[in-house]
Amino acid sequence: RQTDHDPAEAALVGVTAPVLVIMGDRDPDFKDPAAEARWIGETLNGEVVMVADAGHYPQSQQPNITSSAVLGFLEKVAPRA
């Protein structure tokens, strides 16, 4: 069963924070994980990172890639004083 966009679309309009979308390129929840990540990133004007050889849990399947992406994003949006 594929995820329905309707509930997400209704909630996305209220997001004002900086956004980092991290998605595994083999996420079985989506027919086309890259298209899903692009849609979310474009909708929220966010940054998208596709993680190769990862499914729905890239943070555990590719922790080095995921943590580097998160730390890099945080440096951009909240640099240390």
Protein backbone atom coordinates (compact mmCIF):
# COMPACT_ATOMS: atom_id res chain seq x y z
CA ARG A 1 0.00 0.00 0.00
CA GLN A 2 1.38 3.35 -1.04
CA THR A 3 1.39 6.41 1.18
CA ASP A 4 -1.41 8.93 0.57
CA HIS A 5 -0.26 12.53 0.03
CA ASP A 6 -3.50 14.18 1.19
CA PRO A 7 -2.79 14.30 4.96
CA ALA A 8 0.81 15.37 4.36
CA GLU A 9 -0.13 18.09 1.90
CA ALA A 10 -2.56 19.59 4.40
CA ALA A 11 0.16 19.78 7.07
CA LEU A 12 3.05 20.92 4.87
CA VAL A 13 1.64 24.39 4.27
CA GLY A 14 2.26 25.27 7.93
CA VAL A 15 5.96 24.36 7.94
CA THR A 16 8.22 27.40 8.19
CA ALA A 17 11.40 25.85 9.59
CA PRO A 18 14.41 24.95 7.46
CA VAL A 19 13.95 21.46 6.03
CA LEU A 20 16.29 18.58 5.29
CA VAL A 21 14.71 15.60 3.53
CA ILE A 22 16.76 12.41 3.84
CA MET A 23 15.45 9.38 2.00
CA GLY A 24 16.86 6.01 1.08
CA ASP A 25 16.92 5.37 -2.64
CA ARG A 26 15.39 1.94 -1.99
CA ASP A 27 12.60 3.01 0.37
CA PRO A 28 9.88 0.41 -0.19
CA ASP A 29 7.14 2.73 1.05
CA PHE A 30 7.28 4.76 -2.16
CA LYS A 31 6.99 3.76 -5.80
CA ASP A 32 9.67 6.35 -6.68
CA PRO A 33 11.61 7.44 -3.57
CA ALA A 34 13.56 10.14 -5.44
CA ALA A 35 10.37 11.71 -6.79
CA GLU A 36 8.82 11.63 -3.32
CA ALA A 37 11.86 13.33 -1.78
CA ARG A 38 11.88 15.96 -4.56
CA TRP A 39 8.18 16.66 -4.02
CA ILE A 40 8.68 17.24 -0.29
CA GLY A 41 11.85 19.27 -0.84
CA GLU A 42 10.24 21.48 -3.48
CA THR A 43 7.05 21.91 -1.47
CA LEU A 44 9.00 23.03 1.60
CA ASN A 45 11.88 24.74 -0.21
CA GLY A 46 14.15 22.25 1.52
CA GLU A 47 17.37 20.41 0.87
CA VAL A 48 17.14 16.80 -0.32
CA VAL A 49 19.68 14.06 0.32
CA MET A 50 19.14 10.68 -1.29
CA VAL A 51 21.02 7.90 0.47
CA ALA A 52 22.28 5.14 -1.78
CA ASP A 53 21.74 1.53 -0.77
CA ALA A 54 19.27 2.44 1.97
CA GLY A 55 15.60 1.73 2.46
CA HIS A 56 13.17 3.32 4.90
CA TYR A 57 15.75 3.66 7.68
CA PRO A 58 18.81 5.36 6.14
CA GLN A 59 19.93 6.56 9.57
CA SER A 60 20.58 2.95 10.59
CA GLN A 61 21.43 1.51 7.18
CA GLN A 62 23.92 4.22 6.18
CA PRO A 63 24.65 6.11 9.44
CA ASN A 64 27.83 7.85 8.24
CA ILE A 65 26.13 9.36 5.21
CA THR A 66 23.04 10.33 7.17
CA SER A 67 24.87 11.87 10.12
CA SER A 68 27.17 13.84 7.80
CA ALA A 69 24.12 15.21 5.97
CA VAL A 70 22.42 16.22 9.23
CA LEU A 71 25.54 17.84 10.67
CA GLY A 72 26.21 19.73 7.43
CA PHE A 73 22.63 20.96 7.32
CA LEU A 74 22.77 22.12 10.94
CA GLU A 75 25.98 24.03 10.26
CA LYS A 76 24.20 25.91 7.46
CA VAL A 77 21.01 26.74 9.33
CA ALA A 78 22.44 27.25 12.83
CA PRO A 79 26.16 27.98 12.66
CA ARG A 80 28.01 28.23 15.93
CA ALA A 81 28.57 31.72 17.27
